[in-house]
Amino acid sequence: MGSRMDIVRLTAKIAQVGMVTKELEELWKAASDPLLQTIHLEKEHFIQPPPNPKYYRLYGHYLCPFVERALLALAFKRVPYQFVAIDLPSRPKWYFDLPSKGKIPLLEFPNQAKYMAESTDICLFLDETFNTGIQLLPKDNEELKAKIKGFTNQASKLGSSFYSFQTDAGESDDKVKALREILEELNEMIKQNKNHPFFFDRPHPTFADILVLPHFRRILLCEHTKARKGWAKLKPYELAGLMWWYSNMMMLEEVLKVTTSKENFVELEKWQAETKQHSLPTVSYTHLRAHETGRNLVCRLLLEKKKKKKK
């Protein structure tokens, strides 16, 4: 919210429509609001910034899959928010005193020192609190609601299995097999759908889709990283049900707005190899994208590297 890319998109919409509608005017005001501009938080920020007087604030890093869950929920619920991009290796001391104990994501409530951690809790809170956008959990079907909420266990298995697969670059056949089995279970769920491409045969994404997308997208992007050999053994593109689901998810504007690009993941791996670190890079390294993904804009890192070479 409030990024240059939001304004670029709105300008394109206005040109397409040929006039400034009331809805576009409201969106333009929101995108231009300084209270929605991204804050880049680094170690030298000795004092915690005061709460945003008007909007929710999300602390996180764009390459973190759990942060991406919260971003997806905010986008689907159409909740305006201010993003605080965290320099993870150099987090200020005061950030560790907050309820998340230095972890991300962390949602800060407007105009008060109130917080919520854990991506699943943030997603559910947003759905229960706001009637805007789509319903992530059905209100008229308690049985289905319980099933979708219970899907958290399967999503957790996917996340932990992927992390295990990624840490050894997919070299272990056992880890490849374990991840493949989880993906096959998810694939079968989608194949059972009769009418719609989203989990539980819903006409639009739900809490379940938000839980799976960040990790599944990262699995697909392993084709372009050091885990490519493991990716070749994993063969995710053979899972027709999941690929049908994924293609439909990636056509949604809300998803394109918050998911990070392939180029950023490739650059992340290069940075980790060069620095011998396995954490996420600093904000100055990854200006990487300020809600500018989905259009594959050139990341600031590449420009910085070119400048250094010229010197």
C-alpha atoms as a PDB file:
ATOM      1  CA  MET A   1       0.000   0.000   0.000  1.00  0.00           C
ATOM      2  CA  GLY A   2       1.128   3.516  -0.675  1.00  0.00           C
ATOM      3  CA  SER A   3       4.009   2.512  -2.964  1.00  0.00           C
ATOM      4  CA  ARG A   4       5.094   3.927  -6.277  1.00  0.00           C
ATOM      5  CA  MET A   5       3.798   0.772  -7.969  1.00  0.00           C
ATOM      6  CA  ASP A   6       0.305   1.355  -6.540  1.00  0.00           C
ATOM      7  CA  ILE A   7       0.289   4.799  -8.144  1.00  0.00           C
ATOM      8  CA  VAL A   8       1.595   3.394 -11.444  1.00  0.00           C
ATOM      9  CA  ARG A   9      -1.194   0.797 -11.509  1.00  0.00           C
ATOM     10  CA  LEU A  10      -3.854   3.386 -10.714  1.00  0.00           C
ATOM     11  CA  THR A  11      -2.574   5.662 -13.463  1.00  0.00           C
ATOM     12  CA  ALA A  12      -2.860   2.777 -15.926  1.00  0.00           C
ATOM     13  CA  LYS A  13      -6.413   2.028 -14.740  1.00  0.00           C
ATOM     14  CA  ILE A  14      -7.457   5.640 -15.143  1.00  0.00           C
ATOM     15  CA  ALA A  15      -6.045   5.645 -18.674  1.00  0.00           C
ATOM     16  CA  GLN A  16      -7.914   2.420 -19.442  1.00  0.00           C
ATOM     17  CA  VAL A  17     -11.219   3.649 -18.046  1.00  0.00           C
ATOM     18  CA  GLY A  18     -10.807   7.062 -19.626  1.00  0.00           C
ATOM     19  CA  MET A  19     -12.008   8.927 -16.561  1.00  0.00           C
ATOM     20  CA  VAL A  20     -11.479   9.199 -12.811  1.00  0.00           C
ATOM     21  CA  THR A  21     -14.300   7.293 -11.149  1.00  0.00           C
ATOM     22  CA  LYS A  22     -15.153   7.794  -7.480  1.00  0.00           C
ATOM     23  CA  GLU A  23     -13.605   4.428  -6.632  1.00  0.00           C
ATOM     24  CA  LEU A  24     -10.363   5.257  -8.443  1.00  0.00           C
ATOM     25  CA  GLU A  25     -10.251   8.628  -6.738  1.00  0.00           C
ATOM     26  CA  GLU A  26     -10.468   6.988  -3.313  1.00  0.00           C
ATOM     27  CA  LEU A  27      -7.786   4.465  -4.242  1.00  0.00           C
ATOM     28  CA  TRP A  28      -5.538   7.273  -5.485  1.00  0.00           C
ATOM     29  CA  LYS A  29      -5.889   9.133  -2.189  1.00  0.00           C
ATOM     30  CA  ALA A  30      -4.969   5.981  -0.267  1.00  0.00           C
ATOM     31  CA  ALA A  31      -1.942   5.230  -2.457  1.00  0.00           C
ATOM     32  CA  SER A  32      -0.690   8.803  -2.019  1.00  0.00           C
ATOM     33  CA  ASP A  33      -1.142   8.890   1.757  1.00  0.00           C
ATOM     34  CA  PRO A  34       2.264   9.423   3.475  1.00  0.00           C
ATOM     35  CA  LEU A  35       1.044   7.329   6.411  1.00  0.00           C
ATOM     36  CA  LEU A  36       1.067   4.327   4.051  1.00  0.00           C
ATOM     37  CA  GLN A  37       4.618   4.791   2.787  1.00  0.00           C
ATOM     38  CA  THR A  38       7.007   1.914   3.527  1.00  0.00           C
ATOM     39  CA  ILE A  39       9.430   2.352   6.443  1.00  0.00           C
ATOM     40  CA  HIS A  40      12.871   0.731   6.080  1.00  0.00           C
ATOM     41  CA  LEU A  41      13.920  -0.283   9.567  1.00  0.00           C
ATOM     42  CA  GLU A  42      17.624  -0.836  10.302  1.00  0.00           C
ATOM     43  CA  LYS A  43      19.897  -1.110  13.316  1.00  0.00           C
ATOM     44  CA  GLU A  44      20.432   2.645  13.632  1.00  0.00           C
ATOM     45  CA  HIS A  45      16.744   3.079  14.498  1.00  0.00           C
ATOM     46  CA  PHE A  46      17.395   3.246  18.234  1.00  0.00           C
ATOM     47  CA  ILE A  47      13.907   4.466  19.074  1.00  0.00           C
ATOM     48  CA  GLN A  48      10.733   2.633  18.092  1.00  0.00           C
ATOM     49  CA  PRO A  49       8.564   4.725  15.767  1.00  0.00           C
ATOM     50  CA  PRO A  50       5.233   5.731  17.331  1.00  0.00           C
ATOM     51  CA  PRO A  51       2.165   3.733  16.198  1.00  0.00           C
ATOM     52  CA  ASN A  52       0.603   4.766  12.923  1.00  0.00           C
ATOM     53  CA  PRO A  53      -2.277   7.059  13.931  1.00  0.00           C
ATOM     54  CA  LYS A  54      -4.591   5.765  11.210  1.00  0.00           C
ATOM     55  CA  TYR A  55      -3.549   2.438   9.729  1.00  0.00           C
ATOM     56  CA  TYR A  56      -2.358  -1.012  10.734  1.00  0.00           C
ATOM     57  CA  ARG A  57       1.373  -1.530  10.420  1.00  0.00           C
ATOM     58  CA  LEU A  58       3.001  -4.817   9.366  1.00  0.00           C
ATOM     59  CA  TYR A  59       6.600  -5.521  10.302  1.00  0.00           C
ATOM     60  CA  GLY A  60       8.268  -8.038   8.028  1.00  0.00           C
ATOM     61  CA  HIS A  61      10.542  -8.926   5.134  1.00  0.00           C
ATOM     62  CA  TYR A  62       9.286  -9.383   1.589  1.00  0.00           C
ATOM     63  CA  LEU A  63      11.090 -12.691   1.071  1.00  0.00           C
ATOM     64  CA  CYS A  64       9.605 -14.386   4.144  1.00  0.00           C
ATOM     65  CA  PRO A  65       6.750 -16.808   3.259  1.00  0.00           C
ATOM     66  CA  PHE A  66       5.000 -16.180   6.573  1.00  0.00           C
ATOM     67  CA  VAL A  67       5.047 -12.436   6.004  1.00  0.00           C
ATOM     68  CA  GLU A  68       3.667 -13.094   2.531  1.00  0.00           C
ATOM     69  CA  ARG A  69       0.686 -14.875   4.108  1.00  0.00           C
ATOM     70  CA  ALA A  70      -0.147 -11.756   6.096  1.00  0.00           C
ATOM     71  CA  LEU A  71       0.334  -9.566   3.027  1.00  0.00           C
ATOM     72  CA  LEU A  72      -2.038 -11.777   1.036  1.00  0.00           C
ATOM     73  CA  ALA A  73      -4.682 -11.554   3.761  1.00  0.00           C
ATOM     74  CA  LEU A  74      -4.364  -7.756   3.868  1.00  0.00           C
ATOM     75  CA  ALA A  75      -4.681  -7.607   0.078  1.00  0.00           C
ATOM     76  CA  PHE A  76      -7.677  -9.942  -0.152  1.00  0.00           C
ATOM     77  CA  LYS A  77      -9.432  -8.122   2.702  1.00  0.00           C
ATOM     78  CA  ARG A  78      -8.576  -4.741   1.128  1.00  0.00           C
ATOM     79  CA  VAL A  79      -7.206  -3.404   4.387  1.00  0.00           C
ATOM     80  CA  PRO A  80      -4.889  -0.386   3.971  1.00  0.00           C
ATOM     81  CA  TYR A  81      -1.644  -0.815   5.903  1.00  0.00           C
ATOM     82  CA  GLN A  82       1.864   0.518   6.306  1.00  0.00           C
ATOM     83  CA  PHE A  83       4.718  -1.916   5.741  1.00  0.00           C
ATOM     84  CA  VAL A  84       7.885  -1.806   7.843  1.00  0.00           C
ATOM     85  CA  ALA A  85      10.709  -3.579   6.001  1.00  0.00           C
ATOM     86  CA  ILE A  86      12.965  -5.201   8.592  1.00  0.00           C
ATOM     87  CA  ASP A  87      16.741  -5.538   8.245  1.00  0.00           C
ATOM     88  CA  LEU A  88      16.794  -8.998   9.854  1.00  0.00           C
ATOM     89  CA  PRO A  89      20.536  -9.356  10.538  1.00  0.00           C
ATOM     90  CA  SER A  90      20.541  -5.905  12.187  1.00  0.00           C
ATOM     91  CA  ARG A  91      17.227  -5.637  14.000  1.00  0.00           C
ATOM     92  CA  PRO A  92      17.171  -2.865  16.619  1.00  0.00           C
ATOM     93  CA  LYS A  93      17.162  -3.999  20.252  1.00  0.00           C
ATOM     94  CA  TRP A  94      13.697  -2.618  20.973  1.00  0.00           C
ATOM     95  CA  TYR A  95      12.174  -4.891  18.313  1.00  0.00           C
ATOM     96  CA  PHE A  96      13.088  -7.948  20.422  1.00  0.00           C
ATOM     97  CA  ASP A  97      11.028  -6.529  23.284  1.00  0.00           C
ATOM     98  CA  LEU A  98       7.835  -6.666  21.220  1.00  0.00           C
ATOM     99  CA  PRO A  99       5.479  -9.694  21.492  1.00  0.00           C
ATOM    100  CA  SER A 100       7.026 -11.475  18.492  1.00  0.00           C
ATOM    101  CA  LYS A 101      10.433 -11.514  20.275  1.00  0.00           C
ATOM    102  CA  GLY A 102      12.217 -10.312  17.165  1.00  0.00           C
ATOM    103  CA  LYS A 103      10.392 -12.598  14.733  1.00  0.00           C
ATOM    104  CA  ILE A 104       8.244 -11.667  11.742  1.00  0.00           C
ATOM    105  CA  PRO A 105       5.504 -11.000  10.801  1.00  0.00           C
ATOM    106  CA  LEU A 106       4.183  -8.659  13.460  1.00  0.00           C
ATOM    107  CA  LEU A 107       0.977  -6.658  13.103  1.00  0.00           C
ATOM    108  CA  GLU A 108       0.778  -3.365  15.001  1.00  0.00           C
ATOM    109  CA  PHE A 109      -2.644  -1.858  15.646  1.00  0.00           C
ATOM    110  CA  PRO A 110      -3.308   1.773  14.683  1.00  0.00           C
ATOM    111  CA  ASN A 111      -2.799   4.480  17.280  1.00  0.00           C
ATOM    112  CA  GLN A 112      -1.983   2.065  20.125  1.00  0.00           C
ATOM    113  CA  ALA A 113       0.821  -0.153  21.393  1.00  0.00           C
ATOM    114  CA  LYS A 114      -1.076  -3.367  20.620  1.00  0.00           C
ATOM    115  CA  TYR A 115       0.379  -6.186  18.544  1.00  0.00           C
ATOM    116  CA  MET A 116      -0.377  -9.553  17.014  1.00  0.00           C
ATOM    117  CA  ALA A 117       2.202 -12.123  15.935  1.00  0.00           C
ATOM    118  CA  GLU A 118       1.952 -15.393  13.967  1.00  0.00           C
ATOM    119  CA  SER A 119       0.840 -15.305  10.344  1.00  0.00           C
ATOM    120  CA  THR A 120      -2.157 -17.611  10.866  1.00  0.00           C
ATOM    121  CA  ASP A 121      -3.497 -15.510  13.744  1.00  0.00           C
ATOM    122  CA  ILE A 122      -3.089 -12.319  11.705  1.00  0.00           C
ATOM    123  CA  CYS A 123      -4.976 -13.798   8.732  1.00  0.00           C
ATOM    124  CA  LEU A 124      -7.859 -15.022  10.889  1.00  0.00           C
ATOM    125  CA  PHE A 125      -8.033 -11.746  12.809  1.00  0.00           C
ATOM    126  CA  LEU A 126      -8.277  -9.719   9.598  1.00  0.00           C
ATOM    127  CA  ASP A 127     -11.027 -11.964   8.271  1.00  0.00           C
ATOM    128  CA  GLU A 128     -13.063 -11.728  11.471  1.00  0.00           C
ATOM    129  CA  THR A 129     -12.580  -7.978  11.842  1.00  0.00           C
ATOM    130  CA  PHE A 130     -13.171  -6.684   8.324  1.00  0.00           C
ATOM    131  CA  ASN A 131     -16.161  -7.268   6.042  1.00  0.00           C
ATOM    132  CA  THR A 132     -14.357  -5.808   3.035  1.00  0.00           C
ATOM    133  CA  GLY A 133     -12.928  -7.935   0.245  1.00  0.00           C
ATOM    134  CA  ILE A 134     -13.494 -11.696   0.240  1.00  0.00           C
ATOM    135  CA  GLN A 135     -14.307 -13.971   3.155  1.00  0.00           C
ATOM    136  CA  LEU A 136     -11.304 -16.154   3.979  1.00  0.00           C
ATOM    137  CA  LEU A 137     -13.550 -18.379   6.111  1.00  0.00           C
ATOM    138  CA  PRO A 138     -17.224 -19.022   5.241  1.00  0.00           C
ATOM    139  CA  LYS A 139     -19.666 -17.554   7.727  1.00  0.00           C
ATOM    140  CA  ASP A 140     -22.648 -19.643   6.664  1.00  0.00           C
ATOM    141  CA  ASN A 141     -21.090 -23.115   6.851  1.00  0.00           C
ATOM    142  CA  GLU A 142     -19.575 -24.070  10.208  1.00  0.00           C
ATOM    143  CA  GLU A 143     -18.509 -27.523   9.038  1.00  0.00           C
ATOM    144  CA  LEU A 144     -16.565 -26.133   6.071  1.00  0.00           C
ATOM    145  CA  LYS A 145     -15.164 -23.359   8.245  1.00  0.00           C
ATOM    146  CA  ALA A 146     -13.756 -25.939  10.646  1.00  0.00           C
ATOM    147  CA  LYS A 147     -12.214 -27.928   7.772  1.00  0.00           C
ATOM    148  CA  ILE A 148     -10.489 -24.865   6.335  1.00  0.00           C
ATOM    149  CA  LYS A 149      -9.156 -23.824   9.750  1.00  0.00           C
ATOM    150  CA  GLY A 150      -7.967 -27.375  10.312  1.00  0.00           C
ATOM    151  CA  PHE A 151      -6.009 -27.156   7.072  1.00  0.00           C
ATOM    152  CA  THR A 152      -3.337 -25.310   9.093  1.00  0.00           C
ATOM    153  CA  ASN A 153      -1.773 -28.670  10.023  1.00  0.00           C
ATOM    154  CA  GLN A 154      -1.250 -29.681   6.396  1.00  0.00           C
ATOM    155  CA  ALA A 155       0.153 -26.253   5.554  1.00  0.00           C
ATOM    156  CA  SER A 156       2.590 -26.524   8.479  1.00  0.00           C
ATOM    157  CA  LYS A 157       3.815 -29.888   7.195  1.00  0.00           C
ATOM    158  CA  LEU A 158       4.374 -28.345   3.772  1.00  0.00           C
ATOM    159  CA  GLY A 159       6.375 -25.469   5.257  1.00  0.00           C
ATOM    160  CA  SER A 160       8.590 -27.618   7.482  1.00  0.00           C
ATOM    161  CA  SER A 161       9.172 -30.198   4.755  1.00  0.00           C
ATOM    162  CA  PHE A 162      10.108 -27.506   2.253  1.00  0.00           C
ATOM    163  CA  TYR A 163      12.527 -25.899   4.717  1.00  0.00           C
ATOM    164  CA  SER A 164      14.178 -29.281   5.277  1.00  0.00           C
ATOM    165  CA  PHE A 165      14.386 -29.815   1.514  1.00  0.00           C
ATOM    166  CA  GLN A 166      15.817 -26.358   0.920  1.00  0.00           C
ATOM    167  CA  THR A 167      18.493 -26.440   3.623  1.00  0.00           C
ATOM    168  CA  ASP A 168      20.403 -29.243   1.893  1.00  0.00           C
ATOM    169  CA  ALA A 169      19.572 -27.986  -1.623  1.00  0.00           C
ATOM    170  CA  GLY A 170      17.380 -31.008  -2.338  1.00  0.00           C
ATOM    171  CA  GLU A 171      20.338 -33.425  -2.149  1.00  0.00           C
ATOM    172  CA  SER A 172      18.592 -35.884   0.178  1.00  0.00           C
ATOM    173  CA  ASP A 173      16.300 -38.323  -1.622  1.00  0.00           C
ATOM    174  CA  ASP A 174      14.386 -38.902   1.617  1.00  0.00           C
ATOM    175  CA  LYS A 175      13.617 -35.183   1.953  1.00  0.00           C
ATOM    176  CA  VAL A 176      12.585 -35.000  -1.698  1.00  0.00           C
ATOM    177  CA  LYS A 177      10.271 -37.985  -1.169  1.00  0.00           C
ATOM    178  CA  ALA A 178       8.739 -36.483   1.982  1.00  0.00           C
ATOM    179  CA  LEU A 179       7.989 -33.189   0.254  1.00  0.00           C
ATOM    180  CA  ARG A 180       6.642 -34.956  -2.826  1.00  0.00           C
ATOM    181  CA  GLU A 181       4.180 -36.954  -0.692  1.00  0.00           C
ATOM    182  CA  ILE A 182       2.773 -33.787   0.869  1.00  0.00           C
ATOM    183  CA  LEU A 183       2.438 -32.158  -2.547  1.00  0.00           C
ATOM    184  CA  GLU A 184       0.642 -35.216  -3.903  1.00  0.00           C
ATOM    185  CA  GLU A 185      -1.882 -35.009  -1.046  1.00  0.00           C
ATOM    186  CA  LEU A 186      -2.580 -31.366  -1.868  1.00  0.00           C
ATOM    187  CA  ASN A 187      -2.768 -32.220  -5.557  1.00  0.00           C
ATOM    188  CA  GLU A 188      -5.433 -34.852  -4.897  1.00  0.00           C
ATOM    189  CA  MET A 189      -7.480 -32.342  -2.917  1.00  0.00           C
ATOM    190  CA  ILE A 190      -7.597 -29.974  -5.888  1.00  0.00           C
ATOM    191  CA  LYS A 191      -8.346 -32.787  -8.351  1.00  0.00           C
ATOM    192  CA  GLN A 192     -11.477 -33.623  -6.351  1.00  0.00           C
ATOM    193  CA  ASN A 193     -12.917 -30.164  -7.075  1.00  0.00           C
ATOM    194  CA  LYS A 194     -15.956 -30.170  -9.355  1.00  0.00           C
ATOM    195  CA  ASN A 195     -16.471 -26.489 -10.078  1.00  0.00           C
ATOM    196  CA  HIS A 196     -13.625 -24.233  -8.937  1.00  0.00           C
ATOM    197  CA  PRO A 197      -9.810 -24.218  -8.910  1.00  0.00           C
ATOM    198  CA  PHE A 198      -9.298 -23.195  -5.271  1.00  0.00           C
ATOM    199  CA  PHE A 199      -8.995 -25.431  -2.211  1.00  0.00           C
ATOM    200  CA  PHE A 200     -12.245 -26.929  -0.917  1.00  0.00           C
ATOM    201  CA  ASP A 201     -13.818 -26.162  -4.305  1.00  0.00           C
ATOM    202  CA  ARG A 202     -14.465 -22.540  -3.342  1.00  0.00           C
ATOM    203  CA  PRO A 203     -15.194 -19.839  -5.983  1.00  0.00           C
ATOM    204  CA  HIS A 204     -12.434 -17.621  -4.576  1.00  0.00           C
ATOM    205  CA  PRO A 205      -9.292 -18.089  -2.448  1.00  0.00           C
ATOM    206  CA  THR A 206      -9.720 -18.792   1.247  1.00  0.00           C
ATOM    207  CA  PHE A 207      -7.494 -19.073   4.299  1.00  0.00           C
ATOM    208  CA  ALA A 208      -6.307 -22.455   2.951  1.00  0.00           C
ATOM    209  CA  ASP A 209      -5.029 -20.987  -0.322  1.00  0.00           C
ATOM    210  CA  ILE A 210      -3.185 -18.225   1.529  1.00  0.00           C
ATOM    211  CA  LEU A 211      -1.451 -20.811   3.722  1.00  0.00           C
ATOM    212  CA  VAL A 212      -0.158 -22.869   0.790  1.00  0.00           C
ATOM    213  CA  LEU A 213       0.736 -20.328  -1.895  1.00  0.00           C
ATOM    214  CA  PRO A 214       3.922 -18.760  -0.420  1.00  0.00           C
ATOM    215  CA  HIS A 215       5.644 -22.113   0.110  1.00  0.00           C
ATOM    216  CA  PHE A 216       4.438 -23.700  -3.128  1.00  0.00           C
ATOM    217  CA  ARG A 217       5.661 -20.692  -5.094  1.00  0.00           C
ATOM    218  CA  ARG A 218       9.073 -21.035  -3.472  1.00  0.00           C
ATOM    219  CA  ILE A 219       9.125 -24.727  -4.366  1.00  0.00           C
ATOM    220  CA  LEU A 220       8.586 -23.871  -8.026  1.00  0.00           C
ATOM    221  CA  LEU A 221      11.297 -21.202  -7.883  1.00  0.00           C
ATOM    222  CA  CYS A 222      13.838 -23.790  -6.703  1.00  0.00           C
ATOM    223  CA  GLU A 223      14.285 -24.527 -10.407  1.00  0.00           C
ATOM    224  CA  HIS A 224      16.399 -21.362 -10.528  1.00  0.00           C
ATOM    225  CA  THR A 225      18.434 -21.940  -7.341  1.00  0.00           C
ATOM    226  CA  LYS A 226      21.074 -24.352  -6.057  1.00  0.00           C
ATOM    227  CA  ALA A 227      18.230 -26.761  -5.221  1.00  0.00           C
ATOM    228  CA  ARG A 228      17.496 -27.278  -8.924  1.00  0.00           C
ATOM    229  CA  LYS A 229      18.690 -30.897  -8.858  1.00  0.00           C
ATOM    230  CA  GLY A 230      16.323 -31.697  -6.023  1.00  0.00           C
ATOM    231  CA  TRP A 231      13.608 -29.768  -7.853  1.00  0.00           C
ATOM    232  CA  ALA A 232      14.142 -31.968 -10.917  1.00  0.00           C
ATOM    233  CA  LYS A 233      13.595 -35.062  -8.761  1.00  0.00           C
ATOM    234  CA  LEU A 234      10.600 -33.466  -7.065  1.00  0.00           C
ATOM    235  CA  LYS A 235       8.866 -32.786 -10.412  1.00  0.00           C
ATOM    236  CA  PRO A 236       6.227 -30.346  -9.110  1.00  0.00           C
ATOM    237  CA  TYR A 237       5.117 -29.455 -12.637  1.00  0.00           C
ATOM    238  CA  GLU A 238       3.719 -32.973 -13.045  1.00  0.00           C
ATOM    239  CA  LEU A 239       1.090 -32.240 -10.392  1.00  0.00           C
ATOM    240  CA  ALA A 240      -1.690 -31.083 -12.719  1.00  0.00           C
ATOM    241  CA  GLY A 241      -4.163 -30.207  -9.971  1.00  0.00           C
ATOM    242  CA  LEU A 242      -1.753 -27.972  -8.061  1.00  0.00           C
ATOM    243  CA  MET A 243      -0.486 -26.330 -11.232  1.00  0.00           C
ATOM    244  CA  TRP A 244      -4.085 -25.536 -12.255  1.00  0.00           C
ATOM    245  CA  TRP A 245      -4.661 -24.035  -8.819  1.00  0.00           C
ATOM    246  CA  TYR A 246      -1.381 -22.111  -8.937  1.00  0.00           C
ATOM    247  CA  SER A 247      -2.024 -20.621 -12.377  1.00  0.00           C
ATOM    248  CA  ASN A 248      -5.417 -19.348 -11.211  1.00  0.00           C
ATOM    249  CA  MET A 249      -3.926 -17.865  -8.033  1.00  0.00           C
ATOM    250  CA  MET A 250      -1.197 -16.063  -9.970  1.00  0.00           C
ATOM    251  CA  MET A 251      -3.762 -14.375 -12.217  1.00  0.00           C
ATOM    252  CA  LEU A 252      -5.250 -12.499  -9.268  1.00  0.00           C
ATOM    253  CA  GLU A 253      -4.252  -8.861  -8.840  1.00  0.00           C
ATOM    254  CA  GLU A 254      -4.036  -9.222  -5.058  1.00  0.00           C
ATOM    255  CA  VAL A 255      -1.483 -12.012  -5.461  1.00  0.00           C
ATOM    256  CA  LEU A 256       0.614 -10.232  -8.087  1.00  0.00           C
ATOM    257  CA  LYS A 257       0.756  -7.200  -5.849  1.00  0.00           C
ATOM    258  CA  VAL A 258       2.420  -8.898  -2.870  1.00  0.00           C
ATOM    259  CA  THR A 259       4.359 -11.949  -4.132  1.00  0.00           C
ATOM    260  CA  THR A 260       8.038 -11.379  -4.720  1.00  0.00           C
ATOM    261  CA  SER A 261       9.652 -12.042  -8.091  1.00  0.00           C
ATOM    262  CA  LYS A 262      11.838 -14.884  -9.329  1.00  0.00           C
ATOM    263  CA  GLU A 263      14.735 -12.462  -9.773  1.00  0.00           C
ATOM    264  CA  ASN A 264      14.673 -11.580  -6.085  1.00  0.00           C
ATOM    265  CA  PHE A 265      15.016 -15.210  -5.026  1.00  0.00           C
ATOM    266  CA  VAL A 266      17.927 -15.732  -7.401  1.00  0.00           C
ATOM    267  CA  GLU A 267      19.671 -12.645  -6.042  1.00  0.00           C
ATOM    268  CA  LEU A 268      18.978 -13.804  -2.486  1.00  0.00           C
ATOM    269  CA  GLU A 269      20.799 -17.072  -3.112  1.00  0.00           C
ATOM    270  CA  LYS A 270      23.769 -15.240  -4.633  1.00  0.00           C
ATOM    271  CA  TRP A 271      23.952 -12.989  -1.576  1.00  0.00           C
ATOM    272  CA  GLN A 272      23.810 -15.965   0.789  1.00  0.00           C
ATOM    273  CA  ALA A 273      26.607 -17.697  -1.144  1.00  0.00           C
ATOM    274  CA  GLU A 274      28.792 -14.583  -1.156  1.00  0.00           C
ATOM    275  CA  THR A 275      28.308 -13.790   2.543  1.00  0.00           C
ATOM    276  CA  LYS A 276      28.072 -17.385   3.824  1.00  0.00           C
ATOM    277  CA  GLN A 277      24.823 -16.423   5.590  1.00  0.00           C
ATOM    278  CA  HIS A 278      21.505 -18.255   5.542  1.00  0.00           C
ATOM    279  CA  SER A 279      19.358 -15.407   6.843  1.00  0.00           C
ATOM    280  CA  LEU A 280      17.500 -12.874   4.754  1.00  0.00           C
ATOM    281  CA  PRO A 281      19.583  -9.926   3.481  1.00  0.00           C
ATOM    282  CA  THR A 282      19.437  -6.393   4.769  1.00  0.00           C
ATOM    283  CA  VAL A 283      16.901  -3.861   3.609  1.00  0.00           C
ATOM    284  CA  SER A 284      19.601  -1.798   1.889  1.00  0.00           C
ATOM    285  CA  TYR A 285      20.520  -4.945  -0.054  1.00  0.00           C
ATOM    286  CA  THR A 286      16.978  -5.851  -0.918  1.00  0.00           C
ATOM    287  CA  HIS A 287      15.054  -2.780  -1.562  1.00  0.00           C
ATOM    288  CA  LEU A 288      14.377  -5.761  -3.757  1.00  0.00           C
ATOM    289  CA  ARG A 289      10.853  -4.577  -4.243  1.00  0.00           C
ATOM    290  CA  ALA A 290       8.534  -2.178  -2.491  1.00  0.00           C
ATOM    291  CA  HIS A 291       5.317  -3.814  -3.594  1.00  0.00           C
ATOM    292  CA  GLU A 292       6.744  -3.681  -7.098  1.00  0.00           C
ATOM    293  CA  THR A 293       6.654  -7.372  -7.905  1.00  0.00           C
ATOM    294  CA  GLY A 294       4.419  -8.973 -10.436  1.00  0.00           C
ATOM    295  CA  ARG A 295       5.894  -6.603 -12.982  1.00  0.00           C
ATOM    296  CA  ASN A 296       9.503  -7.744 -12.488  1.00  0.00           C
ATOM    297  CA  LEU A 297      11.022  -4.313 -11.983  1.00  0.00           C
ATOM    298  CA  VAL A 298      14.817  -4.231 -11.780  1.00  0.00           C
ATOM    299  CA  CYS A 299      15.833  -4.594  -8.143  1.00  0.00           C
ATOM    300  CA  ARG A 300      17.985  -1.992  -6.441  1.00  0.00           C
ATOM    301  CA  LEU A 301      20.673  -4.573  -5.721  1.00  0.00           C
ATOM    302  CA  LEU A 302      21.548  -5.010  -9.398  1.00  0.00           C
ATOM    303  CA  LEU A 303      21.864  -1.270  -9.815  1.00  0.00           C
ATOM    304  CA  GLU A 304      24.087  -1.049  -6.743  1.00  0.00           C
ATOM    305  CA  LYS A 305      26.335  -3.799  -8.081  1.00  0.00           C
ATOM    306  CA  LYS A 306      26.731  -2.039 -11.415  1.00  0.00           C
ATOM    307  CA  LYS A 307      27.667   1.193  -9.649  1.00  0.00           C
ATOM    308  CA  LYS A 308      30.329  -0.608  -7.602  1.00  0.00           C
ATOM    309  CA  LYS A 309      31.808  -2.190 -10.728  1.00  0.00           C
ATOM    310  CA  LYS A 310      32.060   1.187 -12.437  1.00  0.00           C
ATOM    311  CA  LYS A 311      33.989   2.572  -9.460  1.00  0.00           C
END
